[in-house]
C-alpha atoms as a PDB file:
ATOM      1  CA  MET A   1       6.273  22.050  18.959  1.00  0.00           C
ATOM      2  CA  THR A   2       6.323  23.459  15.814  1.00  0.00           C
ATOM      3  CA  THR A   3       7.716  20.749  13.177  1.00  0.00           C
ATOM      4  CA  PRO A   4      10.040  22.594  10.378  1.00  0.00           C
ATOM      5  CA  THR A   5       9.580  23.270   6.775  1.00  0.00           C
ATOM      6  CA  LEU A   6      11.019  20.997   4.419  1.00  0.00           C
ATOM      7  CA  SER A   7      11.811  20.819   1.191  1.00  0.00           C
ATOM      8  CA  VAL A   8       9.848  17.621  -0.060  1.00  0.00           C
ATOM      9  CA  ALA A   9      10.293  15.505  -3.498  1.00  0.00           C
ATOM     10  CA  VAL A  10       6.920  13.477  -4.024  1.00  0.00           C
ATOM     11  CA  LEU A  11       7.955  10.754  -6.961  1.00  0.00           C
ATOM     12  CA  GLY A  12       4.363   9.089  -8.419  1.00  0.00           C
ATOM     13  CA  ALA A  13       1.699  11.730 -10.037  1.00  0.00           C
ATOM     14  CA  GLY A  14      -0.888   9.235  -9.334  1.00  0.00           C
ATOM     15  CA  SER A  15      -3.819   8.871  -7.175  1.00  0.00           C
ATOM     16  CA  TRP A  16      -1.895   7.984  -3.840  1.00  0.00           C
ATOM     17  CA  GLY A  17       1.358  10.438  -4.855  1.00  0.00           C
ATOM     18  CA  THR A  18      -1.012  12.936  -5.792  1.00  0.00           C
ATOM     19  CA  ALA A  19      -2.958  12.513  -2.285  1.00  0.00           C
ATOM     20  CA  LEU A  20      -0.319  13.007  -0.746  1.00  0.00           C
ATOM     21  CA  ALA A  21       1.860  15.429  -2.391  1.00  0.00           C
ATOM     22  CA  ALA A  22      -1.389  17.668  -1.284  1.00  0.00           C
ATOM     23  CA  LEU A  23      -1.518  17.032   2.059  1.00  0.00           C
ATOM     24  CA  ILE A  24       2.727  17.618   3.009  1.00  0.00           C
ATOM     25  CA  ALA A  25       1.669  20.834   0.550  1.00  0.00           C
ATOM     26  CA  ARG A  26      -1.188  22.052   3.170  1.00  0.00           C
ATOM     27  CA  HIS A  27       1.520  21.188   5.935  1.00  0.00           C
ATOM     28  CA  GLY A  28       2.950  24.075   4.627  1.00  0.00           C
ATOM     29  CA  HIS A  29       6.555  22.494   2.966  1.00  0.00           C
ATOM     30  CA  ALA A  30       7.902  23.369  -0.321  1.00  0.00           C
ATOM     31  CA  THR A  31       5.785  20.236  -2.598  1.00  0.00           C
ATOM     32  CA  THR A  32       6.808  19.210  -5.303  1.00  0.00           C
ATOM     33  CA  LEU A  33       5.433  16.384  -7.082  1.00  0.00           C
ATOM     34  CA  TRP A  34       7.513  14.562 -10.408  1.00  0.00           C
ATOM     35  CA  GLY A  35       4.946  12.393 -13.029  1.00  0.00           C
ATOM     36  CA  ARG A  36       6.002  10.832 -16.224  1.00  0.00           C
ATOM     37  CA  ASP A  37       2.480  11.243 -18.005  1.00  0.00           C
ATOM     38  CA  ALA A  38       3.162  15.001 -19.915  1.00  0.00           C
ATOM     39  CA  ALA A  39      -0.927  16.122 -19.166  1.00  0.00           C
ATOM     40  CA  THR A  40      -1.621  15.293 -15.664  1.00  0.00           C
ATOM     41  CA  ILE A  41       1.552  16.856 -14.685  1.00  0.00           C
ATOM     42  CA  ASP A  42       0.516  20.123 -16.592  1.00  0.00           C
ATOM     43  CA  ALA A  43      -3.097  19.640 -15.052  1.00  0.00           C
ATOM     44  CA  ILE A  44      -1.773  20.001 -12.020  1.00  0.00           C
ATOM     45  CA  ASP A  45       0.679  22.617 -11.949  1.00  0.00           C
ATOM     46  CA  GLY A  46      -1.697  25.148 -13.813  1.00  0.00           C
ATOM     47  CA  ARG A  47      -4.954  23.779 -12.890  1.00  0.00           C
ATOM     48  CA  HIS A  48      -4.049  22.016  -9.850  1.00  0.00           C
ATOM     49  CA  GLU A  49      -6.312  19.464 -10.481  1.00  0.00           C
ATOM     50  CA  ASN A  50      -5.595  15.659 -11.465  1.00  0.00           C
ATOM     51  CA  PRO A  51      -7.884  15.101 -13.419  1.00  0.00           C
ATOM     52  CA  ARG A  52      -7.391  11.266 -14.587  1.00  0.00           C
ATOM     53  CA  TYR A  53      -7.111  10.054 -11.423  1.00  0.00           C
ATOM     54  CA  LEU A  54      -8.391  12.734  -8.791  1.00  0.00           C
ATOM     55  CA  PRO A  55     -11.436  14.808 -10.978  1.00  0.00           C
ATOM     56  CA  GLY A  56     -13.194  17.731  -9.354  1.00  0.00           C
ATOM     57  CA  ILE A  57     -10.928  18.314  -5.917  1.00  0.00           C
ATOM     58  CA  ALA A  58      -9.187  21.690  -5.749  1.00  0.00           C
ATOM     59  CA  LEU A  59      -5.186  20.896  -5.597  1.00  0.00           C
ATOM     60  CA  PRO A  60      -2.805  23.570  -3.081  1.00  0.00           C
ATOM     61  CA  ASP A  61      -1.696  26.035  -5.940  1.00  0.00           C
ATOM     62  CA  THR A  62       2.096  25.762  -3.591  1.00  0.00           C
ATOM     63  CA  LEU A  63       2.003  22.291  -4.837  1.00  0.00           C
ATOM     64  CA  ARG A  64       4.961  21.940  -8.067  1.00  0.00           C
ATOM     65  CA  ALA A  65       4.507  18.922 -10.179  1.00  0.00           C
ATOM     66  CA  THR A  66       7.340  18.553 -13.553  1.00  0.00           C
ATOM     67  CA  THR A  67       8.507  15.648 -15.596  1.00  0.00           C
ATOM     68  CA  ASP A  68      11.724  16.666 -14.841  1.00  0.00           C
ATOM     69  CA  LEU A  69      13.556  14.266 -11.791  1.00  0.00           C
ATOM     70  CA  GLY A  70      16.399  15.883 -11.185  1.00  0.00           C
ATOM     71  CA  VAL A  71      14.513  19.468 -10.487  1.00  0.00           C
ATOM     72  CA  ALA A  72      11.769  17.410  -8.245  1.00  0.00           C
ATOM     73  CA  MET A  73      14.852  15.835  -5.924  1.00  0.00           C
ATOM     74  CA  HIS A  74      16.941  19.458  -6.176  1.00  0.00           C
ATOM     75  CA  GLY A  75      17.248  20.468  -2.875  1.00  0.00           C
ATOM     76  CA  ALA A  76      14.996  17.845  -1.069  1.00  0.00           C
ATOM     77  CA  ASP A  77      14.907  16.687   2.355  1.00  0.00           C
ATOM     78  CA  LEU A  78      12.531  14.352   2.552  1.00  0.00           C
ATOM     79  CA  ILE A  79      11.883  11.836  -0.409  1.00  0.00           C
ATOM     80  CA  LEU A  80       8.404  10.448  -0.463  1.00  0.00           C
ATOM     81  CA  VAL A  81       8.167   7.000  -3.385  1.00  0.00           C
ATOM     82  CA  VAL A  82       4.451   6.577  -4.804  1.00  0.00           C
ATOM     83  CA  VAL A  83       4.688   4.231  -7.201  1.00  0.00           C
ATOM     84  CA  PRO A  84       3.304   0.862  -8.019  1.00  0.00           C
ATOM     85  CA  SER A  85       5.462  -1.810  -6.736  1.00  0.00           C
ATOM     86  CA  HIS A  86       7.134  -3.188 -10.559  1.00  0.00           C
ATOM     87  CA  ALA A  87       7.650  -0.071 -10.639  1.00  0.00           C
ATOM     88  CA  PHE A  88       9.848   1.241  -7.185  1.00  0.00           C
ATOM     89  CA  THR A  89      12.696  -0.916  -7.908  1.00  0.00           C
ATOM     90  CA  GLU A  90      13.241   0.985 -10.959  1.00  0.00           C
ATOM     91  CA  THR A  91      12.551   4.458  -9.346  1.00  0.00           C
ATOM     92  CA  LEU A  92      15.120   4.210  -6.852  1.00  0.00           C
ATOM     93  CA  HIS A  93      18.074   3.749  -9.215  1.00  0.00           C
ATOM     94  CA  ALA A  94      16.570   6.435 -11.201  1.00  0.00           C
ATOM     95  CA  LEU A  95      16.385   8.392  -7.581  1.00  0.00           C
ATOM     96  CA  ALA A  96      19.598   7.124  -6.315  1.00  0.00           C
ATOM     97  CA  PRO A  97      22.306   9.385  -7.974  1.00  0.00           C
ATOM     98  CA  LEU A  98      20.655  12.430  -7.788  1.00  0.00           C
ATOM     99  CA  ARG A  99      19.643  11.843  -3.902  1.00  0.00           C
ATOM    100  CA  PRO A 100      21.024  15.034  -2.395  1.00  0.00           C
ATOM    101  CA  ALA A 101      23.377  13.643   0.917  1.00  0.00           C
ATOM    102  CA  ARG A 102      20.812  15.160   3.862  1.00  0.00           C
ATOM    103  CA  ALA A 103      17.607  13.079   1.795  1.00  0.00           C
ATOM    104  CA  GLY A 104      16.147  10.152   3.176  1.00  0.00           C
ATOM    105  CA  VAL A 105      13.725   8.247   1.601  1.00  0.00           C
ATOM    106  CA  SER A 106      10.475   6.962   2.576  1.00  0.00           C
ATOM    107  CA  TRP A 107       7.903   5.504   0.364  1.00  0.00           C
ATOM    108  CA  ALA A 108       3.790   4.520   0.159  1.00  0.00           C
ATOM    109  CA  THR A 109       3.979   1.705  -2.223  1.00  0.00           C
ATOM    110  CA  LYS A 110       2.921  -1.454  -1.214  1.00  0.00           C
ATOM    111  CA  GLY A 111       3.327  -4.906  -2.693  1.00  0.00           C
ATOM    112  CA  PHE A 112       6.815  -6.754  -3.417  1.00  0.00           C
ATOM    113  CA  GLU A 113       9.487  -6.801  -6.342  1.00  0.00           C
ATOM    114  CA  PRO A 114       7.896  -8.325  -8.525  1.00  0.00           C
ATOM    115  CA  GLY A 115       9.952 -11.976  -9.793  1.00  0.00           C
ATOM    116  CA  SER A 116      12.222 -11.712  -6.595  1.00  0.00           C
ATOM    117  CA  GLY A 117       9.698 -11.995  -4.268  1.00  0.00           C
ATOM    118  CA  ARG A 118      11.391  -9.191  -2.073  1.00  0.00           C
ATOM    119  CA  PHE A 119      10.027  -6.437   1.020  1.00  0.00           C
ATOM    120  CA  LEU A 120      11.115  -2.712  -0.722  1.00  0.00           C
ATOM    121  CA  HIS A 121      12.916  -2.003   2.199  1.00  0.00           C
ATOM    122  CA  GLU A 122      15.349  -4.691   1.337  1.00  0.00           C
ATOM    123  CA  VAL A 123      15.408  -3.391  -2.355  1.00  0.00           C
ATOM    124  CA  ALA A 124      15.559  -0.158  -1.249  1.00  0.00           C
ATOM    125  CA  GLY A 125      18.593  -0.944   1.239  1.00  0.00           C
ATOM    126  CA  GLU A 126      20.936  -3.060  -1.188  1.00  0.00           C
ATOM    127  CA  THR A 127      19.843  -0.342  -3.799  1.00  0.00           C
ATOM    128  CA  LEU A 128      20.656   2.767  -1.163  1.00  0.00           C
ATOM    129  CA  GLY A 129      23.597   1.842   0.840  1.00  0.00           C
ATOM    130  CA  PRO A 130      22.639   1.249   4.490  1.00  0.00           C
ATOM    131  CA  ASP A 131      23.867   5.008   5.169  1.00  0.00           C
ATOM    132  CA  VAL A 132      20.293   6.251   3.940  1.00  0.00           C
ATOM    133  CA  PRO A 133      17.730   6.137   6.348  1.00  0.00           C
ATOM    134  CA  LEU A 134      14.389   4.604   5.350  1.00  0.00           C
ATOM    135  CA  ALA A 135      10.493   4.381   6.500  1.00  0.00           C
ATOM    136  CA  VAL A 136       7.548   3.231   4.758  1.00  0.00           C
ATOM    137  CA  VAL A 137       3.919   4.542   4.991  1.00  0.00           C
ATOM    138  CA  THR A 138       1.141   2.158   5.444  1.00  0.00           C
ATOM    139  CA  GLY A 139      -2.226   2.211   7.047  1.00  0.00           C
ATOM    140  CA  PRO A 140      -5.933   2.614   5.449  1.00  0.00           C
ATOM    141  CA  SER A 141      -6.273   5.228   3.624  1.00  0.00           C
ATOM    142  CA  PHE A 142      -8.394   6.379   0.015  1.00  0.00           C
ATOM    143  CA  ALA A 143      -6.280   8.555  -2.283  1.00  0.00           C
ATOM    144  CA  LYS A 144      -9.458  10.051  -2.549  1.00  0.00           C
ATOM    145  CA  GLU A 145     -10.632  10.979   1.085  1.00  0.00           C
ATOM    146  CA  VAL A 146      -6.958  12.874   1.936  1.00  0.00           C
ATOM    147  CA  ALA A 147      -6.954  14.191  -0.818  1.00  0.00           C
ATOM    148  CA  ALA A 148     -10.502  16.217  -0.017  1.00  0.00           C
ATOM    149  CA  GLY A 149      -8.828  16.624   3.497  1.00  0.00           C
ATOM    150  CA  LEU A 150     -11.475  13.287   5.086  1.00  0.00           C
ATOM    151  CA  PRO A 151      -9.920  12.742   9.111  1.00  0.00           C
ATOM    152  CA  THR A 152      -7.424  10.182   7.739  1.00  0.00           C
ATOM    153  CA  ALA A 153      -4.817   7.679  10.315  1.00  0.00           C
ATOM    154  CA  LEU A 154      -1.341   6.010   9.468  1.00  0.00           C
ATOM    155  CA  THR A 155       1.681   4.659  10.441  1.00  0.00           C
ATOM    156  CA  VAL A 156       5.109   5.685   9.492  1.00  0.00           C
ATOM    157  CA  HIS A 157       7.617   2.361   9.883  1.00  0.00           C
ATOM    158  CA  GLY A 158      11.525   3.210   9.766  1.00  0.00           C
ATOM    159  CA  ASP A 159      15.078   1.928  10.775  1.00  0.00           C
ATOM    160  CA  ASP A 160      16.500   4.926  11.915  1.00  0.00           C
ATOM    161  CA  ALA A 161      14.239   6.716  14.553  1.00  0.00           C
ATOM    162  CA  ALA A 162      14.619  10.660  14.096  1.00  0.00           C
ATOM    163  CA  PHE A 163      13.686  10.082   9.942  1.00  0.00           C
ATOM    164  CA  ALA A 164      10.617   8.046  11.044  1.00  0.00           C
ATOM    165  CA  GLN A 165       9.486  10.868  13.343  1.00  0.00           C
ATOM    166  CA  SER A 166      10.113  13.145  10.422  1.00  0.00           C
ATOM    167  CA  VAL A 167       8.030  11.636   7.943  1.00  0.00           C
ATOM    168  CA  ALA A 168       5.481  11.496  10.756  1.00  0.00           C
ATOM    169  CA  ASP A 169       5.436  15.348  10.957  1.00  0.00           C
ATOM    170  CA  VAL A 170       4.943  15.915   8.129  1.00  0.00           C
ATOM    171  CA  LEU A 171       2.593  14.035   7.322  1.00  0.00           C
ATOM    172  CA  HIS A 172       0.674  14.621  10.571  1.00  0.00           C
ATOM    173  CA  GLY A 173      -1.681  17.762  10.378  1.00  0.00           C
ATOM    174  CA  PRO A 174      -5.552  18.539  11.752  1.00  0.00           C
ATOM    175  CA  ALA A 175      -7.438  16.200   9.511  1.00  0.00           C
ATOM    176  CA  PHE A 176      -4.516  13.171   9.580  1.00  0.00           C
ATOM    177  CA  ARG A 177      -2.798  11.599  12.461  1.00  0.00           C
ATOM    178  CA  ALA A 178       0.206   9.668  11.711  1.00  0.00           C
ATOM    179  CA  TYR A 179       2.485   7.118  14.258  1.00  0.00           C
ATOM    180  CA  THR A 180       5.475   5.766  13.997  1.00  0.00           C
ATOM    181  CA  GLY A 181       7.029   2.452  14.506  1.00  0.00           C
ATOM    182  CA  ASP A 182      10.367  -0.024  13.632  1.00  0.00           C
ATOM    183  CA  ASP A 183       8.860  -3.125  12.326  1.00  0.00           C
ATOM    184  CA  MET A 184       9.261  -2.181   8.370  1.00  0.00           C
ATOM    185  CA  ARG A 185       9.227  -5.991   7.431  1.00  0.00           C
ATOM    186  CA  GLY A 186       5.174  -6.747   9.461  1.00  0.00           C
ATOM    187  CA  ALA A 187       4.085  -3.034   8.190  1.00  0.00           C
ATOM    188  CA  GLU A 188       5.194  -4.009   4.594  1.00  0.00           C
ATOM    189  CA  LEU A 189       3.397  -7.473   5.199  1.00  0.00           C
ATOM    190  CA  GLY A 190       0.238  -6.238   6.208  1.00  0.00           C
ATOM    191  CA  GLY A 191      -0.081  -3.531   3.694  1.00  0.00           C
ATOM    192  CA  ALA A 192       0.706  -5.474   0.827  1.00  0.00           C
ATOM    193  CA  MET A 193      -1.346  -9.214   2.471  1.00  0.00           C
ATOM    194  CA  LYS A 194      -4.109  -6.806   2.790  1.00  0.00           C
ATOM    195  CA  ASN A 195      -5.139  -6.936  -0.863  1.00  0.00           C
ATOM    196  CA  VAL A 196      -4.979 -10.778  -1.651  1.00  0.00           C
ATOM    197  CA  LEU A 197      -7.374 -10.773   1.021  1.00  0.00           C
ATOM    198  CA  ALA A 198      -9.820  -7.811   0.186  1.00  0.00           C
ATOM    199  CA  VAL A 199     -10.334 -10.155  -3.426  1.00  0.00           C
ATOM    200  CA  ALA A 200     -11.883 -12.554  -1.082  1.00  0.00           C
ATOM    201  CA  THR A 201     -14.543 -11.350   0.802  1.00  0.00           C
ATOM    202  CA  GLY A 202     -15.229  -8.765  -2.392  1.00  0.00           C
ATOM    203  CA  VAL A 203     -15.303 -12.229  -3.997  1.00  0.00           C
ATOM    204  CA  ALA A 204     -17.934 -13.195  -1.675  1.00  0.00           C
ATOM    205  CA  ASP A 205     -19.930 -10.189  -1.642  1.00  0.00           C
ATOM    206  CA  GLY A 206     -20.414 -10.524  -5.394  1.00  0.00           C
ATOM    207  CA  MET A 207     -21.531 -13.903  -5.323  1.00  0.00           C
ATOM    208  CA  SER A 208     -24.178 -12.404  -2.039  1.00  0.00           C
ATOM    209  CA  LEU A 209     -22.439 -14.620   0.460  1.00  0.00           C
ATOM    210  CA  GLY A 210     -23.617 -12.617   3.103  1.00  0.00           C
ATOM    211  CA  LEU A 211     -22.142 -10.472   5.835  1.00  0.00           C
ATOM    212  CA  ASN A 212     -21.250 -13.008   8.264  1.00  0.00           C
ATOM    213  CA  ALA A 213     -18.947 -14.654   4.871  1.00  0.00           C
ATOM    214  CA  ARG A 214     -17.659 -10.977   4.870  1.00  0.00           C
ATOM    215  CA  ALA A 215     -16.337 -11.090   8.868  1.00  0.00           C
ATOM    216  CA  GLY A 216     -15.997 -14.225   8.462  1.00  0.00           C
ATOM    217  CA  LEU A 217     -13.220 -14.346   5.704  1.00  0.00           C
ATOM    218  CA  ILE A 218     -11.241 -10.492   7.605  1.00  0.00           C
ATOM    219  CA  THR A 219     -10.913 -11.676  10.974  1.00  0.00           C
ATOM    220  CA  ARG A 220      -9.440 -15.783   9.407  1.00  0.00           C
ATOM    221  CA  GLY A 221      -7.806 -13.174   7.119  1.00  0.00           C
ATOM    222  CA  LEU A 222      -5.423 -11.684   9.842  1.00  0.00           C
ATOM    223  CA  ASN A 223      -4.815 -15.129  11.260  1.00  0.00           C
ATOM    224  CA  GLU A 224      -3.167 -15.662   7.816  1.00  0.00           C
ATOM    225  CA  MET A 225      -1.417 -12.344   8.080  1.00  0.00           C
ATOM    226  CA  LEU A 226      -0.744 -12.436  11.546  1.00  0.00           C
ATOM    227  CA  ARG A 227       1.036 -16.086  11.385  1.00  0.00           C
ATOM    228  CA  LEU A 228       3.178 -15.248   8.504  1.00  0.00           C
ATOM    229  CA  ASN A 229       4.431 -12.427  10.170  1.00  0.00           C
ATOM    230  CA  ILE A 230       4.774 -14.144  12.882  1.00  0.00           C
ATOM    231  CA  ALA A 231       6.974 -16.947  10.920  1.00  0.00           C
ATOM    232  CA  ILE A 232       9.149 -13.858   8.706  1.00  0.00           C
ATOM    233  CA  GLY A 233      10.628 -12.352  12.302  1.00  0.00           C
ATOM    234  CA  GLY A 234       7.581  -9.767  12.192  1.00  0.00           C
ATOM    235  CA  LYS A 235       5.804  -7.865  15.827  1.00  0.00           C
ATOM    236  CA  PRO A 236       2.315  -9.777  15.926  1.00  0.00           C
ATOM    237  CA  GLU A 237       1.117  -6.149  17.251  1.00  0.00           C
ATOM    238  CA  THR A 238       2.490  -4.079  13.869  1.00  0.00           C
ATOM    239  CA  LEU A 239      -0.670  -6.096  12.316  1.00  0.00           C
ATOM    240  CA  MET A 240      -3.182  -5.586  15.524  1.00  0.00           C
ATOM    241  CA  GLY A 241      -2.802  -1.740  14.210  1.00  0.00           C
ATOM    242  CA  LEU A 242      -3.549   0.770  11.505  1.00  0.00           C
ATOM    243  CA  ALA A 243      -1.054  -1.690   8.913  1.00  0.00           C
ATOM    244  CA  GLY A 244      -2.460  -4.893   9.395  1.00  0.00           C
ATOM    245  CA  LEU A 245      -6.172  -4.939  11.529  1.00  0.00           C
ATOM    246  CA  GLY A 246      -7.369  -1.088  10.034  1.00  0.00           C
ATOM    247  CA  ASP A 247      -6.178  -1.604   6.845  1.00  0.00           C
ATOM    248  CA  LEU A 248      -6.689  -5.470   6.278  1.00  0.00           C
ATOM    249  CA  VAL A 249     -10.549  -3.301   6.871  1.00  0.00           C
ATOM    250  CA  LEU A 250     -10.475  -0.560   5.248  1.00  0.00           C
ATOM    251  CA  THR A 251      -9.768  -2.292   1.637  1.00  0.00           C
ATOM    252  CA  CYS A 252     -12.507  -5.712   2.514  1.00  0.00           C
ATOM    253  CA  THR A 253     -15.391  -3.673   2.911  1.00  0.00           C
ATOM    254  CA  GLY A 254     -14.863  -0.368   1.176  1.00  0.00           C
ATOM    255  CA  ASP A 255     -16.296   0.353  -3.061  1.00  0.00           C
ATOM    256  CA  LEU A 256     -13.059   2.360  -3.501  1.00  0.00           C
ATOM    257  CA  SER A 257     -10.810  -0.713  -3.202  1.00  0.00           C
ATOM    258  CA  ARG A 258      -8.882  -1.723  -6.437  1.00  0.00           C
ATOM    259  CA  ASN A 259      -8.857  -4.830  -5.182  1.00  0.00           C
ATOM    260  CA  ARG A 260     -12.352  -5.704  -3.568  1.00  0.00           C
ATOM    261  CA  ARG A 261     -13.576  -4.182  -7.037  1.00  0.00           C
ATOM    262  CA  LEU A 262     -12.370  -6.951  -8.537  1.00  0.00           C
ATOM    263  CA  GLY A 263     -13.032  -9.506  -6.284  1.00  0.00           C
ATOM    264  CA  LEU A 264     -16.712  -8.107  -6.572  1.00  0.00           C
ATOM    265  CA  ALA A 265     -16.609  -8.599 -10.110  1.00  0.00           C
ATOM    266  CA  LEU A 266     -14.877 -11.979 -10.387  1.00  0.00           C
ATOM    267  CA  GLY A 267     -17.518 -13.455  -7.461  1.00  0.00           C
ATOM    268  CA  ARG A 268     -20.383 -11.965  -9.855  1.00  0.00           C
ATOM    269  CA  GLY A 269     -19.066 -13.657 -13.131  1.00  0.00           C
ATOM    270  CA  GLN A 270     -17.676 -10.966 -14.598  1.00  0.00           C
ATOM    271  CA  PRO A 271     -13.934 -12.234 -16.472  1.00  0.00           C
ATOM    272  CA  MET A 272     -10.356 -11.336 -15.315  1.00  0.00           C
ATOM    273  CA  ASP A 273      -9.106  -9.618 -18.464  1.00  0.00           C
ATOM    274  CA  GLU A 274     -12.464  -7.208 -18.127  1.00  0.00           C
ATOM    275  CA  ALA A 275     -12.491  -6.682 -14.028  1.00  0.00           C
ATOM    276  CA  VAL A 276      -9.295  -5.374 -14.644  1.00  0.00           C
ATOM    277  CA  ARG A 277     -10.085  -2.409 -17.853  1.00  0.00           C
ATOM    278  CA  GLU A 278     -13.204  -1.775 -16.077  1.00  0.00           C
ATOM    279  CA  ILE A 279     -11.014  -0.765 -12.749  1.00  0.00           C
ATOM    280  CA  GLY A 280      -7.935   0.930 -15.102  1.00  0.00           C
ATOM    281  CA  GLN A 281      -5.634   1.086 -12.363  1.00  0.00           C
ATOM    282  CA  VAL A 282      -2.876  -1.079 -11.388  1.00  0.00           C
ATOM    283  CA  VAL A 283      -4.546  -3.847  -9.297  1.00  0.00           C
ATOM    284  CA  GLU A 284      -1.734  -4.759  -7.082  1.00  0.00           C
ATOM    285  CA  SER A 285      -3.100  -8.119  -5.729  1.00  0.00           C
ATOM    286  CA  ILE A 286      -2.733  -9.500  -8.936  1.00  0.00           C
ATOM    287  CA  GLN A 287       0.804  -9.925  -8.418  1.00  0.00           C
ATOM    288  CA  THR A 288       1.098 -10.130  -4.751  1.00  0.00           C
ATOM    289  CA  ALA A 289      -0.608 -13.311  -4.027  1.00  0.00           C
ATOM    290  CA  ASP A 290       2.281 -15.014  -6.328  1.00  0.00           C
ATOM    291  CA  GLU A 291       4.566 -13.344  -2.971  1.00  0.00           C
ATOM    292  CA  VAL A 292       2.455 -13.960  -0.641  1.00  0.00           C
ATOM    293  CA  MET A 293       2.588 -17.279  -1.166  1.00  0.00           C
ATOM    294  CA  ARG A 294       6.121 -17.907  -2.626  1.00  0.00           C
ATOM    295  CA  LEU A 295       7.011 -16.675   0.982  1.00  0.00           C
ATOM    296  CA  ALA A 296       4.567 -18.619   2.427  1.00  0.00           C
ATOM    297  CA  ASP A 297       5.508 -21.571   0.738  1.00  0.00           C
ATOM    298  CA  ARG A 298       9.444 -20.645   1.985  1.00  0.00           C
ATOM    299  CA  HIS A 299       8.554 -20.048   5.389  1.00  0.00           C
ATOM    300  CA  GLY A 300       6.302 -23.554   5.394  1.00  0.00           C
ATOM    301  CA  VAL A 301       3.212 -21.712   6.467  1.00  0.00           C
ATOM    302  CA  GLU A 302      -0.434 -22.851   5.365  1.00  0.00           C
ATOM    303  CA  LEU A 303      -2.682 -19.506   4.233  1.00  0.00           C
ATOM    304  CA  PRO A 304      -5.415 -21.142   3.206  1.00  0.00           C
ATOM    305  CA  ILE A 305      -7.687 -17.718   2.063  1.00  0.00           C
ATOM    306  CA  ALA A 306      -4.272 -16.879   0.285  1.00  0.00           C
ATOM    307  CA  SER A 307      -4.335 -19.373  -1.463  1.00  0.00           C
ATOM    308  CA  ASN A 308      -7.325 -19.848  -3.173  1.00  0.00           C
ATOM    309  CA  VAL A 309      -7.527 -16.132  -4.023  1.00  0.00           C
ATOM    310  CA  ARG A 310      -4.129 -17.073  -6.196  1.00  0.00           C
ATOM    311  CA  ASP A 311      -5.608 -19.888  -7.331  1.00  0.00           C
ATOM    312  CA  VAL A 312      -8.695 -18.364  -8.788  1.00  0.00           C
ATOM    313  CA  LEU A 313      -6.470 -15.312 -10.133  1.00  0.00           C
ATOM    314  CA  HIS A 314      -4.681 -17.189 -12.542  1.00  0.00           C
ATOM    315  CA  GLY A 315      -8.198 -19.263 -13.416  1.00  0.00           C
ATOM    316  CA  ASP A 316      -7.526 -22.481 -12.181  1.00  0.00           C
ATOM    317  CA  ILE A 317     -10.770 -22.733 -10.163  1.00  0.00           C
ATOM    318  CA  THR A 318     -13.711 -20.841  -9.950  1.00  0.00           C
ATOM    319  CA  PRO A 319     -14.621 -18.443  -7.089  1.00  0.00           C
ATOM    320  CA  ALA A 320     -17.349 -21.129  -6.142  1.00  0.00           C
ATOM    321  CA  GLU A 321     -14.686 -23.285  -6.448  1.00  0.00           C
ATOM    322  CA  GLY A 322     -12.491 -21.719  -4.152  1.00  0.00           C
ATOM    323  CA  LEU A 323     -15.291 -21.419  -1.442  1.00  0.00           C
ATOM    324  CA  ALA A 324     -16.092 -25.004  -1.611  1.00  0.00           C
ATOM    325  CA  ARG A 325     -12.371 -25.946  -0.813  1.00  0.00           C
ATOM    326  CA  LEU A 326     -12.661 -23.521   2.266  1.00  0.00           C
ATOM    327  CA  MET A 327     -16.228 -25.324   3.696  1.00  0.00           C
ATOM    328  CA  ALA A 328     -14.386 -28.350   3.169  1.00  0.00           C
ATOM    329  CA  ARG A 329     -11.291 -27.929   5.815  1.00  0.00           C
ATOM    330  CA  GLU A 330     -11.362 -29.716   9.326  1.00  0.00           C
ATOM    331  CA  GLN A 331     -12.445 -28.024  12.648  1.00  0.00           C
ATOM    332  CA  LYS A 332      -9.453 -26.647  14.215  1.00  0.00           C
ATOM    333  CA  ALA A 333      -9.142 -24.664  17.204  1.00  0.00           C
ATOM    334  CA  GLU A 334      -9.349 -20.926  16.090  1.00  0.00           C
ATOM    335  CA  TYR A 335      -5.544 -20.050  17.208  1.00  0.00           C
ATOM    336  CA  PRO A 336      -2.610 -22.271  17.897  1.00  0.00           C
ATOM    337  CA  SER A 337      -1.119 -22.093  21.253  1.00  0.00           C
ATOM    338  CA  LYS A 338       2.105 -20.606  20.334  1.00  0.00           C
ATOM    339  CA  LEU A 339       1.096 -17.947  17.519  1.00  0.00           C
ATOM    340  CA  PHE A 340       2.620 -15.454  19.115  1.00  0.00           C
ATOM    341  CA  GLY A 341       5.710 -17.268  20.303  1.00  0.00           C
END
C-alpha cells in the first residue's frame, strides 16, 4: 500500500530533528524544518547541510528550513517536535495557536518536563487539549546514522491508533522500520531512563571495570526500568522492545551517546563541567536522573543504579564510592515473583 504524500513540520533543527526531517523528505513528503539559529537554518536551506550538528552529511534538496514557526506550520498535516525536554513545553505553547486543525502532534523528545517531572504526553495533552491526537517516536537511534541512511528501527506509541500509524508511515522506508504501539507512558519512561543508565555504564567503562560489569549494569538497569514501569502502569512488553531494551543497549554501548560519553569522562576523573563543555550538546541525563528518582520515590520503587548515578551527577559521591555502594548491597533473588503482576 502506498503511503499518501503529507506535509510535515519538524520543529527543532538539532542533530535528531535534522536527521528525521531528512528521512521524511527522502520518503517523498513535503517537509519543512524549523529552528532558531539563523546560520544553521540558512545552511540547511541553501547548502543542504547542517554544519553544526551533522557536518559532511548531504541533506535532500527537497528539505526546506525556516526560522519562522508560522511558515513551518502552514498547511501541515503532521507535526513532529524534536527539541530538548527543557524546551518542550515552550515549543508546544508556541505551536498550539498555529496548528492546522487536521494536524496531530508527535515528538521524538526524550525526558520529563523539568521541575514538574511530568511525562511529555501529559504536558502535550494539557497544552493541546483532548481532541488532538498524540504520539511519541522513540527507540534505539543515533542521529548521525539515520541521516547517513543506515538501517534503523524505531517505535511510535500513540493514544490514537490511526495517527500513530500515520507517523510510522512517514518514517518507514527502505532503511528505516517503524513499529507502532499504544503505551506512551512506558515508551516515554524507557526513552528517558536509558539516558541515566548510560551514564552508569559509561562510568564503569571509564573506570576500566570490564565487559562483565557493563553487561551486569545493562541487565540490572533493565530490571530497574521494568519495576518502575509496572509501578506507573506501563506495559512490561514495551520495555522489552525497542523503546526499552533496544534503546538501553544502544545508549549504554555506543560512543555516539552523549550520556555514555559523560559517564566515560566522569569515570576517568574528568570534572563534570569540563565534560559537558567538551560534549557541546544537551546531556539529558543530568536533569532526567532527578526526575526518575522523584518518580521512583513517589511510587516506592528502589532504584540502586539510578540513585547512584544521580548522586554522582550531583557531586555527592565519587564514581568509586557509587561502585562500592552497589557491590555492598545484600544478595537477593534476581526477580521478585510478582514483577509482572
